[in-house]
């Protein structure tokens, strides 16, 4: 169970992707969930010590937190900004 940080992020992203793809007209909610769980991953990576981050640790802590944080903000911003097409 050393990989629990990555597992949390992957379950959240998979849930968001499932909602975005399978539930009609809920792509925005799915995108927000994906962005939120990437943000959770950034917080987990920032808080956990080096040896306990598991596969959520790819590069340095600063790089990992920045990459997850930027991806989170970008996905959430796009989910809010993109018009619904109605």
N, C-alpha and C. Protein backbone atom coordinates (compact mmCIF):
# COMPACT_ATOMS: atom_id res chain seq x y z
N UNK A 1 0.82 -1.21 0.00
CA UNK A 1 0.00 0.00 0.00
C UNK A 1 0.85 1.26 0.00
N UNK A 2 2.08 1.14 -0.44
CA UNK A 2 2.94 2.33 -0.50
C UNK A 2 2.52 3.28 -1.60
N UNK A 3 1.68 2.83 -2.50
CA UNK A 3 1.27 3.65 -3.64
C UNK A 3 -0.07 4.35 -3.42
N UNK A 4 -0.53 4.47 -2.18
CA UNK A 4 -1.83 5.07 -1.92
C UNK A 4 -1.94 6.51 -2.42
N UNK A 5 -0.89 7.34 -2.42
CA UNK A 5 -1.08 8.70 -2.94
C UNK A 5 -1.45 8.70 -4.43
N UNK A 6 -0.76 7.90 -5.21
CA UNK A 6 -1.06 7.82 -6.63
C UNK A 6 -2.43 7.19 -6.85
N UNK A 7 -2.78 6.21 -6.04
CA UNK A 7 -4.06 5.54 -6.17
C UNK A 7 -5.22 6.51 -5.94
N UNK A 8 -5.09 7.40 -4.98
CA UNK A 8 -6.14 8.40 -4.73
C UNK A 8 -6.32 9.29 -5.95
N UNK A 9 -5.23 9.76 -6.51
CA UNK A 9 -5.30 10.64 -7.68
C UNK A 9 -5.88 9.89 -8.88
N UNK A 10 -5.44 8.67 -9.12
CA UNK A 10 -5.93 7.91 -10.26
C UNK A 10 -7.41 7.58 -10.14
N UNK A 11 -7.87 7.24 -8.95
CA UNK A 11 -9.30 6.96 -8.77
C UNK A 11 -10.13 8.21 -9.04
N UNK A 12 -9.67 9.34 -8.54
CA UNK A 12 -10.39 10.59 -8.78
C UNK A 12 -10.41 11.00 -10.24
N UNK A 13 -9.28 10.87 -10.91
CA UNK A 13 -9.22 11.20 -12.34
C UNK A 13 -10.08 10.24 -13.15
N UNK A 14 -10.05 8.97 -12.80
CA UNK A 14 -10.89 7.98 -13.51
C UNK A 14 -12.37 8.27 -13.29
N UNK A 15 -12.75 8.66 -12.08
CA UNK A 15 -14.15 9.00 -11.80
C UNK A 15 -14.57 10.22 -12.62
N UNK A 16 -13.73 11.23 -12.66
CA UNK A 16 -14.03 12.41 -13.45
C UNK A 16 -14.13 12.10 -14.93
N UNK A 17 -13.22 11.28 -15.42
CA UNK A 17 -13.26 10.89 -16.82
C UNK A 17 -14.51 10.08 -17.12
N UNK A 18 -14.88 9.19 -16.21
CA UNK A 18 -16.10 8.41 -16.40
C UNK A 18 -17.33 9.30 -16.46
N UNK A 19 -17.40 10.28 -15.58
CA UNK A 19 -18.54 11.20 -15.61
C UNK A 19 -18.54 12.01 -16.90
N UNK A 20 -17.38 12.50 -17.30
CA UNK A 20 -17.29 13.32 -18.51
C UNK A 20 -17.70 12.55 -19.76
N UNK A 21 -17.37 11.28 -19.81
CA UNK A 21 -17.63 10.49 -21.01
C UNK A 21 -19.01 9.82 -20.98
N UNK A 22 -19.40 9.31 -19.85
CA UNK A 22 -20.60 8.48 -19.80
C UNK A 22 -21.89 9.21 -19.48
N UNK A 23 -21.82 10.30 -18.76
CA UNK A 23 -23.04 11.02 -18.36
C UNK A 23 -23.26 12.17 -19.32
N UNK A 24 -24.42 12.18 -19.95
CA UNK A 24 -24.73 13.19 -20.96
C UNK A 24 -24.71 14.59 -20.35
N UNK A 25 -24.06 15.51 -21.05
CA UNK A 25 -23.99 16.93 -20.68
C UNK A 25 -23.34 17.17 -19.32
N UNK A 26 -22.45 16.29 -18.90
CA UNK A 26 -21.74 16.49 -17.63
C UNK A 26 -20.23 16.54 -17.82
N UNK A 27 -19.76 16.91 -19.02
CA UNK A 27 -18.32 16.97 -19.26
C UNK A 27 -17.65 18.01 -18.38
N UNK A 28 -18.38 19.11 -18.11
CA UNK A 28 -17.80 20.17 -17.28
C UNK A 28 -17.58 19.67 -15.84
N UNK A 29 -18.55 18.97 -15.29
CA UNK A 29 -18.41 18.41 -13.95
C UNK A 29 -17.26 17.40 -13.91
N UNK A 30 -17.17 16.55 -14.90
CA UNK A 30 -16.08 15.58 -14.97
C UNK A 30 -14.72 16.27 -15.04
N UNK A 31 -14.64 17.34 -15.82
CA UNK A 31 -13.38 18.09 -15.92
C UNK A 31 -13.02 18.75 -14.60
N UNK A 32 -14.00 19.28 -13.90
CA UNK A 32 -13.75 19.89 -12.60
C UNK A 32 -13.26 18.86 -11.59
N UNK A 33 -13.82 17.66 -11.65
CA UNK A 33 -13.38 16.59 -10.75
C UNK A 33 -11.94 16.18 -11.06
N UNK A 34 -11.62 16.07 -12.34
CA UNK A 34 -10.25 15.74 -12.74
C UNK A 34 -9.29 16.80 -12.22
N UNK A 35 -9.61 18.06 -12.45
CA UNK A 35 -8.75 19.15 -11.98
C UNK A 35 -8.61 19.17 -10.47
N UNK A 36 -9.71 18.90 -9.77
CA UNK A 36 -9.67 18.89 -8.30
C UNK A 36 -8.75 17.78 -7.78
N UNK A 37 -8.83 16.61 -8.38
CA UNK A 37 -7.99 15.51 -7.90
C UNK A 37 -6.53 15.70 -8.28
N UNK A 38 -6.25 16.39 -9.36
CA UNK A 38 -4.86 16.75 -9.65
C UNK A 38 -4.36 17.73 -8.60
N UNK A 39 -5.23 18.64 -8.16
CA UNK A 39 -4.86 19.55 -7.06
C UNK A 39 -4.63 18.80 -5.76
N UNK A 40 -5.46 17.79 -5.50
CA UNK A 40 -5.26 16.95 -4.32
C UNK A 40 -3.90 16.26 -4.41
N UNK A 41 -3.55 15.80 -5.60
CA UNK A 41 -2.24 15.17 -5.79
C UNK A 41 -1.10 16.13 -5.51
N UNK A 42 -1.26 17.38 -5.92
CA UNK A 42 -0.23 18.39 -5.65
C UNK A 42 -0.07 18.62 -4.15
N UNK A 43 -1.19 18.69 -3.45
CA UNK A 43 -1.13 18.89 -1.99
C UNK A 43 -0.51 17.68 -1.30
N UNK A 44 -0.92 16.49 -1.71
CA UNK A 44 -0.35 15.27 -1.12
C UNK A 44 1.15 15.22 -1.35
N UNK A 45 1.58 15.54 -2.57
CA UNK A 45 3.01 15.51 -2.89
C UNK A 45 3.77 16.55 -2.08
N UNK A 46 3.16 17.71 -1.85
CA UNK A 46 3.82 18.76 -1.08
C UNK A 46 3.95 18.40 0.39
N UNK A 47 2.98 17.66 0.93
CA UNK A 47 2.94 17.38 2.36
C UNK A 47 3.75 16.14 2.74
N UNK A 48 3.71 15.12 1.92
CA UNK A 48 4.37 13.86 2.29
C UNK A 48 5.89 13.95 2.20
N UNK A 49 6.57 13.27 3.09
CA UNK A 49 8.03 13.20 2.99
C UNK A 49 8.45 12.40 1.75
N UNK A 50 9.69 12.52 1.40
CA UNK A 50 10.21 11.95 0.16
C UNK A 50 9.95 10.45 0.02
N UNK A 51 10.15 9.68 1.04
CA UNK A 51 10.03 8.24 0.94
C UNK A 51 8.60 7.72 0.90
N UNK A 52 7.63 8.55 1.22
CA UNK A 52 6.25 8.07 1.33
C UNK A 52 5.37 8.50 0.16
N UNK A 53 5.89 9.20 -0.81
CA UNK A 53 5.08 9.70 -1.93
C UNK A 53 4.86 8.64 -2.99
N UNK A 54 5.59 7.55 -2.94
CA UNK A 54 5.41 6.47 -3.91
C UNK A 54 5.62 6.94 -5.34
N UNK A 55 4.80 6.44 -6.24
CA UNK A 55 4.94 6.79 -7.65
C UNK A 55 4.41 8.19 -7.98
N UNK A 56 3.86 8.88 -7.01
CA UNK A 56 3.50 10.28 -7.20
C UNK A 56 4.75 11.14 -7.27
N UNK A 57 5.84 10.59 -6.80
CA UNK A 57 7.14 11.26 -6.85
C UNK A 57 7.83 10.91 -8.16
N UNK A 58 7.99 11.90 -9.03
CA UNK A 58 8.63 11.66 -10.32
C UNK A 58 9.96 12.39 -10.40
N UNK A 59 9.93 13.66 -10.12
CA UNK A 59 11.14 14.49 -10.13
C UNK A 59 11.33 15.08 -8.74
N UNK A 60 11.82 16.29 -8.69
CA UNK A 60 11.95 16.96 -7.40
C UNK A 60 10.56 17.32 -6.87
N UNK A 61 10.48 17.57 -5.59
CA UNK A 61 9.20 17.92 -4.99
C UNK A 61 8.63 19.18 -5.62
N UNK A 62 9.48 20.19 -5.84
CA UNK A 62 9.02 21.45 -6.43
C UNK A 62 8.46 21.23 -7.83
N UNK A 63 9.13 20.42 -8.63
CA UNK A 63 8.67 20.15 -9.99
C UNK A 63 7.34 19.40 -9.97
N UNK A 64 7.24 18.39 -9.15
CA UNK A 64 6.01 17.60 -9.08
C UNK A 64 4.82 18.44 -8.63
N UNK A 65 5.01 19.24 -7.60
CA UNK A 65 3.93 20.08 -7.09
C UNK A 65 3.53 21.11 -8.14
N UNK A 66 4.53 21.72 -8.79
CA UNK A 66 4.24 22.72 -9.82
C UNK A 66 3.51 22.10 -11.01
N UNK A 67 3.96 20.94 -11.46
CA UNK A 67 3.33 20.29 -12.62
C UNK A 67 1.88 19.90 -12.32
N UNK A 68 1.65 19.29 -11.17
CA UNK A 68 0.28 18.91 -10.79
C UNK A 68 -0.58 20.14 -10.55
N UNK A 69 -0.02 21.16 -9.92
CA UNK A 69 -0.78 22.38 -9.66
C UNK A 69 -1.15 23.12 -10.94
N UNK A 70 -0.21 23.24 -11.87
CA UNK A 70 -0.49 23.91 -13.14
C UNK A 70 -1.53 23.14 -13.94
N UNK A 71 -1.39 21.81 -13.98
CA UNK A 71 -2.38 21.00 -14.70
C UNK A 71 -3.76 21.14 -14.06
N UNK A 72 -3.81 21.17 -12.74
CA UNK A 72 -5.08 21.32 -12.03
C UNK A 72 -5.74 22.65 -12.36
N UNK A 73 -5.00 23.72 -12.25
CA UNK A 73 -5.55 25.06 -12.52
C UNK A 73 -5.97 25.17 -13.99
N UNK A 74 -5.16 24.64 -14.90
CA UNK A 74 -5.48 24.73 -16.33
C UNK A 74 -6.76 23.98 -16.66
N UNK A 75 -6.92 22.78 -16.14
CA UNK A 75 -8.12 21.99 -16.44
C UNK A 75 -9.36 22.63 -15.84
N UNK A 76 -9.24 23.11 -14.61
CA UNK A 76 -10.39 23.78 -13.98
C UNK A 76 -10.74 25.06 -14.73
N UNK A 77 -9.73 25.84 -15.10
CA UNK A 77 -9.99 27.08 -15.84
C UNK A 77 -10.65 26.80 -17.19
N UNK A 78 -10.17 25.80 -17.90
CA UNK A 78 -10.77 25.47 -19.19
C UNK A 78 -12.20 24.96 -19.03
N UNK A 79 -12.45 24.19 -17.99
CA UNK A 79 -13.81 23.70 -17.74
C UNK A 79 -14.77 24.85 -17.48
N UNK A 80 -14.28 25.90 -16.85
CA UNK A 80 -15.13 27.05 -16.55
C UNK A 80 -15.29 27.96 -17.77
N UNK A 81 -14.22 28.14 -18.54
CA UNK A 81 -14.21 29.13 -19.63
C UNK A 81 -14.86 28.62 -20.91
N UNK A 82 -14.69 27.36 -21.24
CA UNK A 82 -15.21 26.83 -22.50
C UNK A 82 -16.74 26.89 -22.51
N UNK A 83 -17.31 27.49 -23.54
CA UNK A 83 -18.78 27.57 -23.59
C UNK A 83 -19.41 26.18 -23.75
N UNK A 84 -20.61 26.04 -23.26
CA UNK A 84 -21.27 24.74 -23.27
C UNK A 84 -21.77 24.35 -24.66
N UNK A 85 -21.91 25.28 -25.56
CA UNK A 85 -22.33 24.95 -26.92
C UNK A 85 -23.82 24.92 -27.12
N UNK A 86 -24.56 25.42 -26.20
CA UNK A 86 -26.03 25.43 -26.32
C UNK A 86 -26.50 26.68 -26.97
